[in-house]
Amino acid sequence: MLQSWKTGALATAVSLILLNPILAQDLPVSAEPVAAPAENAPESSLTESSVPMAASNVPADEAGLQVPPAPEADAVSPAVSPEPIAPPPPPAPKPAPKKKAPPQFPGPKTLPPMGPWKPLFFDNDFSYVKDPNHEHLVGEDWKNVPFEFLGQDFKVSAGGEIRHRHMNEDNRLRPGGPKQLDYDLLRWRQYLDVQAGDIFRFYVEGINADAFGEDGFVQPIDVNHWDLQNFFVDAKFLENDWGQHTLRYGRQELLFGRQRLVSPLDWANTRRNFQGFNYILKGTDYKLNVFSVNPVNTATGFGTVAQYDNQFDQAHKGVQFSGAYFTYTGLQNTVFDAYWMYQNTQHDTPSRPDGSRHTIGSRVSRLFPVLDACGEEYRVWDFDTEGALQVGQDNSQSVLAGFYSVIGGHSWKQAPWTPRLSGLFYYGSGDRSPTDGYNNTFNVMYPLGHAYWAISDNLSGQNLYDYALQADVKPSKKSAITAAYHWFSLASNGDRAYNVGGVPVGTPGNGRNLGHALDLYGYYAFTPNFDIQTGYSWFWYGTFIENTTPRNDASQFYVQTSYRY
């Protein structure tokens, strides 16, 4: 067993034990606004002290009771007993509480606000258009358009995105050796969403991703001409006390948790996708996905650009990816994830292990608001920790590997530019010896690596230590700037480094120092439809790279514009 892996596992256990009593507490307020009960909501019951006794000299409106007027006395008629006082009407029931929104944590990477457009377009919600006073956005008129067909109520939505990015990079750890590249990436996504009531849904999304002026090796994540990114049907087959049960079948993107292990990888010009089944259970405070899929396009790490450049993408039947991912948000200011994922690979590729692996892990994220004398939130601590263990078989070797990550941050909500400072520690295990019968290199599967291991995209989280400090500021509501500094080293001297695609780099026994990196990037969002992002990153290589794949230090610059409709 790797000593570093033991250290990571012990840190995971200690963190969760220390965090457990914190999770049992209720914080006074949420870091994000939570819907409050309606004002002047009727009480559920009336107490004896709150209902005055009826009396002949008390007007009915003051007593709060509907008492009919007494009839006038008749001189010749016998005395008539007063009519009984009508009991008060039963209290109106309290309105059902609105669903509590889960807390909003800082994302893996600083990104512009997208309004109603979600990271997965099939999660878009344009219900705000029902408000007659809402701010109009281009494209909203094509959302949730009702129509009737054969007596069934339907609604249809259409939209998409056009994105362009200019790239300039030097000496990255990528195929083809060190070189300087200057090129452009263009991506178009278009979707159509048809829903029959709340029972049946058909969703299709096309993509065209292209690269221009790329003199070197064309990366698999850059090119995918005129293909289907998403193509699935949903059937809600049950709704009970547990929640809504939906079965999804077809081609689909997957996104779980903070995207450390499963992400559509929006930074890529293509975006990852899969094909198969996905059972989805949604309750008030939780969500469960149980899935069994095959990876599809080259962004998943399988296949080559030559195979799928101008051909229709096909699912890789030799790779089975299955699992269950559970998210719970019932505790105040807290998100808890637990998951099991299984991958069986019978497809020979240098960037993926050949065998079967089980990944069992969990994540806890928590916000700790700090209030001023007036009860207003003016500072917030944020904490996120995640870890996983991998076991299985790879090429007749037993697998025993894992990863652990912790992020702690602090935001000043009422200060100018609302600054946030944070620190990160990441550990992904590496193999100690190629001859001991064990494979200890953690497989990161399908991560959003661009957001975690420096935006210069040189490394993946395999056999890696990463220590980082980050500062974020928001000069205005439409802009933000981030600076992050990383220190990288190998977790095991008996293993190699791994580039962002998971391909091994260098030879073991050449030291552990991989280098350090500085990221500077930011955005300006003109509207929720349109934003511009830019960034510059430097990577100063350490002794391991200098001894095994010598090159000058790396840099990368980009400018990206996105328009959604």
Protein backbone atom coordinates (compact mmCIF):
# COMPACT_ATOMS: atom_id res chain seq x y z
CA MET A 1 0.00 0.00 0.00
CA LEU A 2 1.31 3.45 -0.80
CA GLN A 3 2.25 5.53 2.21
CA SER A 4 0.88 8.62 0.45
CA TRP A 5 -2.38 6.83 -0.26
CA LYS A 6 -2.66 5.92 3.43
CA THR A 7 -2.10 9.55 4.30
CA GLY A 8 -4.87 10.65 1.90
CA ALA A 9 -7.28 8.01 3.22
CA LEU A 10 -6.55 8.98 6.84
CA ALA A 11 -7.13 12.65 5.97
CA THR A 12 -10.47 11.74 4.42
CA ALA A 13 -11.61 9.88 7.53
CA VAL A 14 -10.43 12.63 9.90
CA SER A 15 -12.15 15.33 7.84
CA LEU A 16 -15.47 13.49 7.77
CA ILE A 17 -15.28 12.70 11.52
CA LEU A 18 -14.55 16.34 12.34
CA LEU A 19 -17.27 17.56 10.00
CA ASN A 20 -19.95 15.19 11.31
CA PRO A 21 -20.91 17.19 14.43
CA ILE A 22 -20.94 20.35 12.34
CA LEU A 23 -23.44 18.87 9.92
CA ALA A 24 -25.78 18.09 12.83
CA GLN A 25 -26.10 21.76 13.70
CA ASP A 26 -28.52 24.25 12.18
CA LEU A 27 -27.00 27.53 11.10
CA PRO A 28 -29.03 30.67 11.72
CA VAL A 29 -29.33 31.63 8.07
CA SER A 30 -28.60 30.29 4.63
CA ALA A 31 -25.84 31.73 2.53
CA GLU A 32 -28.26 31.97 -0.36
CA PRO A 33 -31.80 33.40 -0.15
CA VAL A 34 -34.31 30.74 0.79
CA ALA A 35 -37.98 31.20 0.00
CA ALA A 36 -39.84 32.33 3.15
CA PRO A 37 -43.45 31.48 4.00
CA ALA A 38 -45.99 33.90 2.60
CA GLU A 39 -46.63 36.93 4.75
CA ASN A 40 -49.81 36.96 6.85
CA ALA A 41 -50.25 33.25 6.35
CA PRO A 42 -53.30 32.01 8.34
CA GLU A 43 -52.50 30.31 11.62
CA SER A 44 -53.10 26.60 11.81
CA SER A 45 -55.22 26.90 14.97
CA LEU A 46 -56.82 29.46 17.27
CA THR A 47 -56.13 29.35 21.00
CA GLU A 48 -58.68 30.04 23.66
CA SER A 49 -57.06 33.33 24.54
CA SER A 50 -57.13 34.47 20.91
CA VAL A 51 -60.91 34.02 20.46
CA PRO A 52 -62.98 36.33 22.69
CA MET A 53 -66.10 35.02 24.40
CA ALA A 54 -69.33 35.99 22.61
CA ALA A 55 -71.41 38.58 24.50
CA SER A 56 -74.56 40.51 23.63
CA ASN A 57 -72.78 43.82 24.08
CA VAL A 58 -69.82 42.94 21.85
CA PRO A 59 -70.26 43.63 18.12
CA ALA A 60 -69.75 40.62 15.93
CA ASP A 61 -66.90 42.19 13.97
CA GLU A 62 -64.91 42.81 17.15
CA ALA A 63 -65.51 39.31 18.44
CA GLY A 64 -64.31 37.87 15.16
CA LEU A 65 -67.42 35.69 14.80
CA GLN A 66 -70.21 35.80 12.24
CA VAL A 67 -73.23 36.22 14.58
CA PRO A 68 -76.64 36.78 12.95
CA PRO A 69 -78.68 39.73 14.31
CA ALA A 70 -81.22 38.83 17.02
CA PRO A 71 -84.88 39.03 15.90
CA GLU A 72 -87.03 41.87 17.24
CA ALA A 73 -89.21 40.97 20.24
CA ASP A 74 -92.97 40.36 19.52
CA ALA A 75 -95.33 41.55 22.31
CA VAL A 76 -97.86 38.78 21.72
CA SER A 77 -95.51 35.95 20.96
CA PRO A 78 -93.94 33.82 23.62
CA ALA A 79 -90.33 34.39 24.53
CA VAL A 80 -87.95 32.96 21.97
CA SER A 81 -84.64 31.53 23.01
CA PRO A 82 -81.68 33.23 21.31
CA GLU A 83 -80.27 31.30 18.42
CA PRO A 84 -77.00 29.50 19.20
CA ILE A 85 -73.82 31.25 18.25
CA ALA A 86 -72.31 29.78 15.12
CA PRO A 87 -68.90 28.23 15.73
CA PRO A 88 -65.96 29.90 14.07
CA PRO A 89 -65.05 28.55 10.64
CA PRO A 90 -62.16 26.12 10.59
CA PRO A 91 -58.80 27.78 10.00
CA ALA A 92 -57.55 27.79 6.45
CA PRO A 93 -54.69 25.35 5.88
CA LYS A 94 -51.20 26.74 5.61
CA PRO A 95 -49.93 26.98 2.05
CA ALA A 96 -47.43 24.32 1.10
CA PRO A 97 -43.89 25.57 1.68
CA LYS A 98 -41.92 26.39 -1.41
CA LYS A 99 -39.15 24.01 -2.34
CA LYS A 100 -35.89 25.09 -0.78
CA ALA A 101 -33.16 25.86 -3.27
CA PRO A 102 -29.88 24.06 -2.59
CA PRO A 103 -27.01 26.28 -1.45
CA GLN A 104 -24.85 27.74 -4.17
CA PHE A 105 -21.15 26.98 -3.72
CA PRO A 106 -18.25 28.53 -5.62
CA GLY A 107 -17.87 26.52 -8.82
CA PRO A 108 -14.79 24.60 -9.94
CA LYS A 109 -13.86 27.54 -12.17
CA THR A 110 -14.94 31.18 -12.23
CA LEU A 111 -17.49 31.44 -15.04
CA PRO A 112 -19.89 34.17 -16.22
CA PRO A 113 -23.53 33.99 -15.14
CA MET A 114 -25.65 32.24 -17.77
CA GLY A 115 -29.11 33.23 -16.59
CA PRO A 116 -31.63 30.48 -17.38
CA TRP A 117 -29.12 28.52 -19.50
CA LYS A 118 -27.73 25.60 -17.51
CA PRO A 119 -24.47 23.64 -17.98
CA LEU A 120 -26.66 20.89 -19.44
CA PHE A 121 -29.06 22.55 -21.86
CA PHE A 122 -31.71 19.90 -21.25
CA ASP A 123 -31.92 21.22 -17.64
CA ASN A 124 -32.87 24.72 -18.84
CA ASP A 125 -35.82 26.34 -17.05
CA PHE A 126 -37.47 29.38 -18.61
CA SER A 127 -40.48 29.44 -16.28
CA TYR A 128 -39.57 33.00 -15.28
CA VAL A 129 -41.25 34.25 -18.49
CA LYS A 130 -44.60 33.87 -16.70
CA ASP A 131 -43.73 36.98 -14.73
CA PRO A 132 -45.06 39.93 -16.79
CA ASN A 133 -42.35 42.20 -15.32
CA HIS A 134 -39.37 40.00 -16.18
CA GLU A 135 -36.41 41.25 -18.22
CA HIS A 136 -36.68 40.00 -21.79
CA LEU A 137 -33.84 37.81 -23.13
CA VAL A 138 -33.22 36.96 -26.75
CA GLY A 139 -34.45 33.44 -27.41
CA GLU A 140 -36.99 33.18 -24.60
CA ASP A 141 -39.89 33.48 -27.06
CA TRP A 142 -38.94 30.02 -28.40
CA LYS A 143 -39.16 28.37 -24.99
CA ASN A 144 -42.13 26.43 -23.58
CA VAL A 145 -44.39 27.25 -26.54
CA PRO A 146 -47.70 25.39 -26.00
CA PHE A 147 -49.66 23.54 -28.67
CA GLU A 148 -52.20 20.73 -28.84
CA PHE A 149 -52.02 17.59 -30.95
CA LEU A 150 -54.55 14.74 -30.96
CA GLY A 151 -56.07 16.05 -27.76
CA GLN A 152 -52.73 16.09 -25.91
CA ASP A 153 -51.12 19.26 -24.55
CA PHE A 154 -47.54 19.74 -25.70
CA LYS A 155 -44.87 22.38 -25.26
CA VAL A 156 -41.78 22.85 -27.39
CA SER A 157 -38.53 24.72 -26.79
CA ALA A 158 -35.62 25.51 -29.09
CA GLY A 159 -32.30 27.22 -28.57
CA GLY A 160 -28.55 26.81 -28.61
CA GLU A 161 -25.15 28.43 -28.46
CA ILE A 162 -22.44 29.74 -30.78
CA ARG A 163 -18.94 29.89 -29.32
CA HIS A 164 -15.55 30.97 -30.68
CA ARG A 165 -12.17 30.69 -28.98
CA HIS A 166 -8.75 31.87 -30.15
CA MET A 167 -5.83 29.90 -28.70
CA ASN A 168 -2.10 30.60 -28.54
CA GLU A 169 0.07 28.07 -26.70
CA ASP A 170 3.74 27.11 -26.27
CA ASN A 171 5.37 23.86 -25.18
CA ARG A 172 2.43 22.07 -23.65
CA LEU A 173 2.65 18.37 -22.69
CA ARG A 174 0.66 17.24 -25.68
CA PRO A 175 1.20 14.75 -28.54
CA GLY A 176 3.60 15.85 -31.23
CA GLY A 177 6.29 17.25 -28.96
CA PRO A 178 6.90 20.84 -27.78
CA LYS A 179 5.84 23.53 -30.21
CA GLN A 180 4.11 26.88 -30.59
CA LEU A 181 0.52 26.81 -31.87
CA ASP A 182 -1.90 29.55 -32.86
CA TYR A 183 -5.39 28.44 -33.86
CA ASP A 184 -9.14 29.03 -33.57
CA LEU A 185 -12.00 26.83 -32.34
CA LEU A 186 -15.64 27.27 -33.38
CA ARG A 187 -18.61 25.41 -31.90
CA TRP A 188 -22.34 25.50 -32.63
CA ARG A 189 -24.97 23.70 -30.56
CA GLN A 190 -28.68 23.61 -31.40
CA TYR A 191 -31.41 21.81 -29.47
CA LEU A 192 -35.11 20.97 -29.76
CA ASP A 193 -37.11 19.90 -26.69
CA VAL A 194 -40.66 18.50 -27.03
CA GLN A 195 -42.69 17.57 -23.94
CA ALA A 196 -46.08 15.88 -23.78
CA GLY A 197 -47.54 17.02 -20.47
CA ASP A 198 -45.22 15.91 -17.68
CA ILE A 199 -45.11 12.26 -18.76
CA PHE A 200 -43.10 12.06 -21.99
CA ARG A 201 -40.21 14.06 -23.40
CA PHE A 202 -38.10 13.98 -26.56
CA TYR A 203 -34.83 15.93 -26.64
CA VAL A 204 -32.32 16.27 -29.47
CA GLU A 205 -29.19 18.46 -29.61
CA GLY A 206 -26.78 18.74 -32.52
CA ILE A 207 -23.20 19.92 -32.52
CA ASN A 208 -20.63 21.07 -35.04
CA ALA A 209 -17.13 21.59 -33.64
CA ASP A 210 -14.24 22.65 -35.84
CA ALA A 211 -10.63 23.87 -35.57
CA PHE A 212 -8.88 26.32 -37.93
CA GLY A 213 -5.19 27.04 -38.40
CA GLU A 214 -4.01 24.22 -36.13
CA ASP A 215 -0.62 23.30 -37.63
CA GLY A 216 0.16 20.53 -35.15
CA PHE A 217 -1.66 17.47 -33.94
CA VAL A 218 -5.44 17.98 -33.92
CA GLN A 219 -6.73 17.08 -30.47
CA PRO A 220 -9.68 14.68 -30.17
CA ILE A 221 -11.55 17.22 -28.04
CA ASP A 222 -11.38 19.87 -30.78
CA VAL A 223 -13.21 18.43 -33.81
CA ASN A 224 -16.58 16.74 -34.27
CA HIS A 225 -18.40 17.65 -37.47
CA TRP A 226 -22.22 17.72 -37.65
CA ASP A 227 -23.19 15.11 -35.12
CA LEU A 228 -25.75 14.33 -32.42
CA GLN A 229 -24.60 15.43 -28.98
CA ASN A 230 -27.82 14.49 -27.15
CA PHE A 231 -30.65 12.34 -28.47
CA PHE A 232 -32.90 10.77 -25.83
CA VAL A 233 -36.43 10.20 -24.59
CA ASP A 234 -37.70 10.59 -21.02
CA ALA A 235 -40.70 8.72 -19.60
CA LYS A 236 -41.95 9.59 -16.10
CA PHE A 237 -43.48 6.29 -15.10
CA LEU A 238 -44.25 6.90 -11.40
CA GLU A 239 -44.73 9.61 -8.82
CA ASN A 240 -45.11 8.69 -5.16
CA ASP A 241 -43.91 9.73 -1.70
CA TRP A 242 -40.32 9.13 -2.78
CA GLY A 243 -40.57 11.60 -5.66
CA GLN A 244 -40.68 11.53 -9.46
CA HIS A 245 -39.33 8.43 -11.20
CA THR A 246 -38.05 8.98 -14.74
CA LEU A 247 -36.37 6.61 -17.18
CA ARG A 248 -34.09 8.16 -19.80
CA TYR A 249 -32.74 6.27 -22.78
CA GLY A 250 -30.47 7.44 -25.56
CA ARG A 251 -27.44 9.65 -26.12
CA GLN A 252 -26.86 12.04 -23.23
CA GLU A 253 -24.33 14.14 -21.36
CA LEU A 254 -23.54 13.36 -17.71
CA LEU A 255 -22.58 15.80 -14.95
CA PHE A 256 -22.19 14.77 -11.29
CA GLY A 257 -21.16 16.77 -8.23
CA ARG A 258 -18.29 19.20 -8.70
CA GLN A 259 -17.34 17.41 -11.93
CA ARG A 260 -14.12 15.96 -10.49
CA LEU A 261 -14.87 12.53 -11.96
CA VAL A 262 -17.77 12.93 -14.43
CA SER A 263 -18.21 16.09 -16.52
CA PRO A 264 -19.34 17.03 -20.05
CA LEU A 265 -16.08 19.05 -20.20
CA ASP A 266 -17.53 22.25 -21.61
CA TRP A 267 -13.99 23.65 -22.08
CA ALA A 268 -13.53 21.10 -24.86
CA ASN A 269 -14.77 22.15 -28.27
CA THR A 270 -16.77 18.92 -28.46
CA ARG A 271 -18.21 18.00 -24.96
CA ARG A 272 -18.33 14.41 -23.77
CA ASN A 273 -21.40 12.24 -24.23
CA PHE A 274 -22.60 8.73 -23.49
CA GLN A 275 -25.32 6.39 -24.69
CA GLY A 276 -27.56 4.10 -22.66
CA PHE A 277 -30.00 4.10 -19.71
CA ASN A 278 -30.36 6.57 -16.87
CA TYR A 279 -32.94 6.14 -14.09
CA ILE A 280 -33.59 9.45 -12.29
CA LEU A 281 -35.37 9.82 -8.94
CA LYS A 282 -36.06 13.38 -7.80
CA GLY A 283 -37.33 14.07 -4.28
CA THR A 284 -37.74 17.31 -2.36
CA ASP A 285 -34.22 17.26 -0.94
CA TYR A 286 -32.42 14.61 -2.94
CA LYS A 287 -31.67 13.20 -6.36
CA LEU A 288 -30.55 9.74 -7.41
CA ASN A 289 -29.11 8.71 -10.80
CA VAL A 290 -28.64 5.04 -11.64
CA PHE A 291 -27.04 4.66 -15.06
CA SER A 292 -25.52 2.17 -17.46
CA VAL A 293 -23.96 3.72 -20.56
CA ASN A 294 -21.22 3.45 -23.18
CA PRO A 295 -18.90 6.41 -23.96
CA VAL A 296 -19.48 7.90 -27.43
CA ASN A 297 -17.32 10.67 -28.87
CA THR A 298 -13.56 11.18 -28.79
CA ALA A 299 -13.77 13.63 -25.85
CA THR A 300 -14.38 10.58 -23.64
CA GLY A 301 -10.85 9.38 -24.40
CA PHE A 302 -11.81 6.56 -26.74
CA GLY A 303 -11.47 6.61 -30.50
CA THR A 304 -9.56 9.00 -32.72
CA VAL A 305 -10.34 12.10 -34.74
CA ALA A 306 -9.72 10.07 -37.92
CA GLN A 307 -12.53 7.69 -36.88
CA TYR A 308 -15.16 10.27 -36.03
CA ASP A 309 -14.14 13.49 -37.74
CA ASN A 310 -16.65 13.25 -40.57
CA GLN A 311 -18.55 10.12 -39.53
CA PHE A 312 -21.56 9.61 -37.31
CA ASP A 313 -20.44 8.92 -33.74
CA GLN A 314 -20.93 5.38 -32.47
CA ALA A 315 -21.06 4.19 -28.88
CA HIS A 316 -18.02 2.17 -27.76
CA LYS A 317 -19.59 -1.18 -26.86
CA GLY A 318 -16.27 -2.42 -25.50
CA VAL A 319 -16.47 0.08 -22.62
CA GLN A 320 -19.26 -0.17 -20.02
CA PHE A 321 -19.70 2.70 -17.56
CA SER A 322 -22.32 2.16 -14.82
CA GLY A 323 -23.09 3.40 -11.36
CA ALA A 324 -25.30 5.25 -8.90
CA TYR A 325 -24.88 8.88 -7.80
CA PHE A 326 -26.88 10.27 -4.85
CA THR A 327 -27.11 13.93 -3.80
CA TYR A 328 -28.80 15.16 -0.60
CA THR A 329 -29.51 18.85 0.18
CA GLY A 330 -31.85 18.49 3.18
CA LEU A 331 -29.34 19.91 5.68
CA GLN A 332 -29.05 23.67 5.85
CA ASN A 333 -26.23 25.12 3.73
CA THR A 334 -24.95 21.62 3.00
CA VAL A 335 -24.62 19.29 0.03
CA PHE A 336 -23.78 15.64 0.55
CA ASP A 337 -22.91 13.26 -2.33
CA ALA A 338 -22.31 9.52 -2.24
CA TYR A 339 -21.52 7.40 -5.28
CA TRP A 340 -20.45 4.09 -6.69
CA MET A 341 -19.22 3.84 -10.28
CA TYR A 342 -17.98 0.86 -12.26
CA GLN A 343 -16.08 0.87 -15.53
CA ASN A 344 -15.18 -2.22 -17.56
CA THR A 345 -12.81 -1.48 -20.43
CA GLN A 346 -12.07 -3.98 -23.17
CA HIS A 347 -10.65 -1.31 -25.48
CA ASP A 348 -6.90 -0.82 -25.81
CA THR A 349 -5.97 2.86 -25.52
CA PRO A 350 -2.87 4.49 -23.98
CA SER A 351 -4.91 6.98 -21.93
CA ARG A 352 -7.21 4.47 -20.20
CA PRO A 353 -6.61 1.45 -17.97
CA ASP A 354 -7.55 -1.87 -19.56
CA GLY A 355 -9.67 -3.82 -17.07
CA SER A 356 -12.42 -3.20 -14.56
CA ARG A 357 -12.58 -0.74 -11.67
CA HIS A 358 -15.06 0.11 -8.92
CA THR A 359 -14.94 3.70 -7.62
CA ILE A 360 -16.61 4.32 -4.24
CA GLY A 361 -16.62 7.84 -2.84
CA SER A 362 -18.41 10.73 -1.17
CA ARG A 363 -18.34 14.50 -0.98
CA VAL A 364 -19.45 17.06 1.61
CA SER A 365 -19.76 20.79 0.93
CA ARG A 366 -20.77 23.28 3.59
CA LEU A 367 -21.25 27.04 3.87
CA PHE A 368 -20.71 28.88 7.17
CA PRO A 369 -22.28 32.38 7.03
CA VAL A 370 -21.14 35.07 9.48
CA LEU A 371 -23.70 37.75 10.43
CA ASP A 372 -23.23 41.35 11.42
CA ALA A 373 -25.02 43.13 14.30
CA CYS A 374 -28.08 43.67 12.09
CA GLY A 375 -28.37 40.01 11.20
CA GLU A 376 -27.07 40.53 7.66
CA GLU A 377 -24.63 38.12 6.07
CA TYR A 378 -21.33 39.89 5.55
CA ARG A 379 -18.80 37.02 5.43
CA VAL A 380 -19.03 33.37 4.38
CA TRP A 381 -16.69 30.44 4.90
CA ASP A 382 -16.97 27.62 2.36
CA PHE A 383 -15.64 24.09 2.73
CA ASP A 384 -15.60 21.22 0.25
CA THR A 385 -14.03 17.79 0.66
CA GLU A 386 -14.23 14.70 -1.53
CA GLY A 387 -12.50 11.35 -1.64
CA ALA A 388 -12.83 8.00 -3.38
CA LEU A 389 -11.32 4.51 -3.34
CA GLN A 390 -10.75 2.40 -6.46
CA VAL A 391 -10.50 -1.39 -6.50
CA GLY A 392 -10.55 -3.92 -9.34
CA GLN A 393 -8.31 -5.62 -11.89
CA ASP A 394 -6.12 -4.10 -14.62
CA ASN A 395 -4.15 -6.40 -16.95
CA SER A 396 -3.92 -9.14 -14.29
CA GLN A 397 -2.86 -6.60 -11.64
CA SER A 398 -4.98 -5.87 -8.57
CA VAL A 399 -6.13 -2.24 -8.34
CA LEU A 400 -5.91 -0.34 -5.07
CA ALA A 401 -5.92 3.42 -5.61
CA GLY A 402 -7.68 6.58 -4.47
CA PHE A 403 -7.89 10.33 -4.41
CA TYR A 404 -8.66 13.04 -1.87
CA SER A 405 -9.31 16.76 -2.25
CA VAL A 406 -10.19 19.57 0.13
CA ILE A 407 -10.99 23.23 -0.60
CA GLY A 408 -11.48 25.95 2.00
CA GLY A 409 -12.44 29.52 1.18
CA HIS A 410 -13.59 32.79 2.69
CA SER A 411 -15.71 35.50 0.99
CA TRP A 412 -16.34 39.10 2.09
CA LYS A 413 -19.89 39.70 0.88
CA GLN A 414 -20.21 43.39 1.76
CA ALA A 415 -16.69 44.52 0.86
CA PRO A 416 -15.95 46.27 -2.45
CA TRP A 417 -15.49 43.72 -5.25
CA THR A 418 -16.65 40.93 -2.83
CA PRO A 419 -13.22 39.23 -2.69
CA ARG A 420 -12.75 35.53 -1.94
CA LEU A 421 -9.54 33.77 -0.88
CA SER A 422 -9.24 29.99 -0.99
CA GLY A 423 -6.79 27.14 -0.76
CA LEU A 424 -6.78 23.69 -2.34
CA PHE A 425 -5.07 20.39 -1.64
CA TYR A 426 -5.38 17.44 -4.02
CA TYR A 427 -3.89 13.96 -3.90
CA GLY A 428 -4.28 11.30 -6.60
CA SER A 429 -2.38 8.08 -5.94
CA GLY A 430 0.35 6.72 -8.21
CA ASP A 431 1.86 3.28 -8.69
CA ARG A 432 4.71 2.36 -6.35
CA SER A 433 6.23 -0.45 -8.37
CA PRO A 434 5.34 -1.97 -11.77
CA THR A 435 6.38 -5.45 -10.55
CA ASP A 436 4.56 -5.84 -7.21
CA GLY A 437 1.30 -7.10 -8.75
CA TYR A 438 -0.65 -3.95 -7.78
CA ASN A 439 -1.73 -0.96 -9.84
CA ASN A 440 -2.03 2.03 -7.52
CA THR A 441 -2.54 4.74 -10.15
CA PHE A 442 -5.90 6.42 -9.67
CA ASN A 443 -8.02 6.72 -12.83
CA VAL A 444 -9.74 10.12 -12.94
CA MET A 445 -12.30 8.82 -15.50
CA TYR A 446 -14.09 11.81 -17.15
CA PRO A 447 -13.15 14.94 -15.16
CA LEU A 448 -13.29 18.68 -15.68
CA GLY A 449 -9.51 18.73 -15.38
CA HIS A 450 -9.19 22.20 -16.90
CA ALA A 451 -10.79 23.70 -13.77
CA TYR A 452 -8.65 21.88 -11.21
CA TRP A 453 -5.06 21.24 -12.37
CA ALA A 454 -4.29 24.69 -13.88
CA ILE A 455 -5.93 26.06 -17.01
CA SER A 456 -2.77 25.47 -19.05
CA ASP A 457 -4.03 21.86 -19.34
CA ASN A 458 -0.71 20.07 -18.85
CA LEU A 459 -1.57 17.51 -16.16
CA SER A 460 -4.34 15.19 -15.01
CA GLY A 461 -5.01 14.12 -11.42
CA GLN A 462 -3.16 10.78 -11.65
CA ASN A 463 -0.05 10.29 -9.51
CA LEU A 464 -0.30 13.92 -8.49
CA TYR A 465 0.02 16.27 -5.53
CA ASP A 466 -1.46 19.73 -6.11
CA TYR A 467 -1.30 22.62 -3.64
CA ALA A 468 -2.97 25.83 -4.76
CA LEU A 469 -3.96 29.30 -3.58
CA GLN A 470 -6.62 31.34 -5.35
CA ALA A 471 -8.03 34.88 -5.18
CA ASP A 472 -11.29 36.02 -6.82
CA VAL A 473 -12.74 39.52 -7.15
CA LYS A 474 -15.84 40.90 -8.84
CA PRO A 475 -15.29 44.50 -9.98
CA SER A 476 -18.94 44.64 -11.05
CA LYS A 477 -22.03 42.45 -11.24
CA LYS A 478 -21.04 41.59 -14.81
CA SER A 479 -17.36 40.82 -14.34
CA ALA A 480 -14.92 38.75 -12.31
CA ILE A 481 -11.15 38.17 -12.17
CA THR A 482 -9.33 35.12 -10.79
CA ALA A 483 -5.67 34.46 -9.98
CA ALA A 484 -4.48 30.99 -8.95
CA TYR A 485 -1.04 29.58 -8.17
CA HIS A 486 -0.30 25.80 -8.19
CA TRP A 487 2.61 23.69 -6.92
CA PHE A 488 2.73 20.21 -8.55
CA SER A 489 4.68 17.07 -7.72
CA LEU A 490 4.42 13.34 -8.32
CA ALA A 491 2.69 11.37 -5.59
CA SER A 492 4.98 8.38 -6.25
CA ASN A 493 8.52 8.36 -7.63
CA GLY A 494 7.86 4.88 -9.02
CA ASP A 495 5.25 6.15 -11.48
CA ARG A 496 5.19 8.63 -14.34
CA ALA A 497 3.40 11.92 -14.90
CA TYR A 498 0.12 11.97 -16.88
CA ASN A 499 -0.91 14.71 -19.28
CA VAL A 500 -4.41 16.19 -19.39
CA GLY A 501 -5.59 13.37 -21.66
CA GLY A 502 -4.32 10.71 -19.25
CA VAL A 503 -1.37 9.66 -21.43
CA PRO A 504 1.81 8.72 -19.44
CA VAL A 505 4.71 11.17 -19.73
CA GLY A 506 8.37 10.56 -18.87
CA THR A 507 9.99 7.67 -17.00
CA PRO A 508 9.96 6.83 -13.27
CA GLY A 509 12.92 7.56 -11.02
CA ASN A 510 13.65 11.10 -12.24
CA GLY A 511 12.50 13.07 -9.24
CA ARG A 512 9.06 14.26 -8.21
CA ASN A 513 9.05 17.99 -8.95
CA LEU A 514 6.65 18.69 -11.83
CA GLY A 515 6.75 22.47 -11.57
CA HIS A 516 4.41 25.31 -10.71
CA ALA A 517 1.80 27.32 -12.59
CA LEU A 518 0.11 30.72 -12.49
CA ASP A 519 -3.38 31.30 -13.93
CA LEU A 520 -4.90 34.73 -14.59
CA TYR A 521 -8.34 34.84 -16.19
CA GLY A 522 -11.70 36.57 -16.05
CA TYR A 523 -14.91 37.43 -17.86
CA TYR A 524 -17.33 40.21 -18.71
CA ALA A 525 -20.99 39.28 -19.23
CA PHE A 526 -22.71 41.88 -21.40
CA THR A 527 -26.00 40.01 -20.91
CA PRO A 528 -26.91 36.46 -19.78
CA ASN A 529 -26.87 35.69 -23.52
CA PHE A 530 -23.45 37.07 -24.40
CA ASP A 531 -20.10 37.04 -22.57
CA ILE A 532 -16.39 37.25 -23.28
CA GLN A 533 -13.69 35.36 -21.37
CA THR A 534 -9.92 35.68 -21.51
CA GLY A 535 -7.01 34.13 -19.70
CA TYR A 536 -3.24 33.69 -19.58
CA SER A 537 -1.37 30.86 -17.88
CA TRP A 538 2.29 30.10 -17.27
CA PHE A 539 3.75 26.71 -16.42
CA TRP A 540 7.34 26.50 -15.16
CA TYR A 541 8.47 22.88 -15.48
CA GLY A 542 10.26 21.04 -12.68
CA THR A 543 13.10 18.54 -12.66
CA PHE A 544 10.95 15.55 -13.68
CA ILE A 545 9.93 17.17 -16.99
CA GLU A 546 13.39 18.63 -17.57
CA ASN A 547 15.00 15.20 -17.10
CA THR A 548 12.55 13.14 -19.15
CA THR A 549 10.89 15.36 -21.79
CA PRO A 550 13.03 18.52 -21.86
CA ARG A 551 11.42 21.67 -23.21
CA ASN A 552 11.09 25.35 -22.47
CA ASP A 553 8.45 26.50 -20.03
CA ALA A 554 4.86 26.52 -21.25
CA SER A 555 2.29 29.28 -21.66
CA GLN A 556 -1.23 29.57 -22.97
CA PHE A 557 -3.45 32.52 -23.92
CA TYR A 558 -7.09 32.46 -24.98
CA VAL A 559 -10.00 34.76 -25.78
CA GLN A 560 -13.46 33.22 -25.94
CA THR A 561 -16.87 34.66 -26.81
CA SER A 562 -20.16 32.83 -26.26
CA TYR A 563 -23.66 33.69 -27.43
CA ARG A 564 -26.72 31.74 -26.24
CA TYR A 565 -30.23 32.01 -27.58
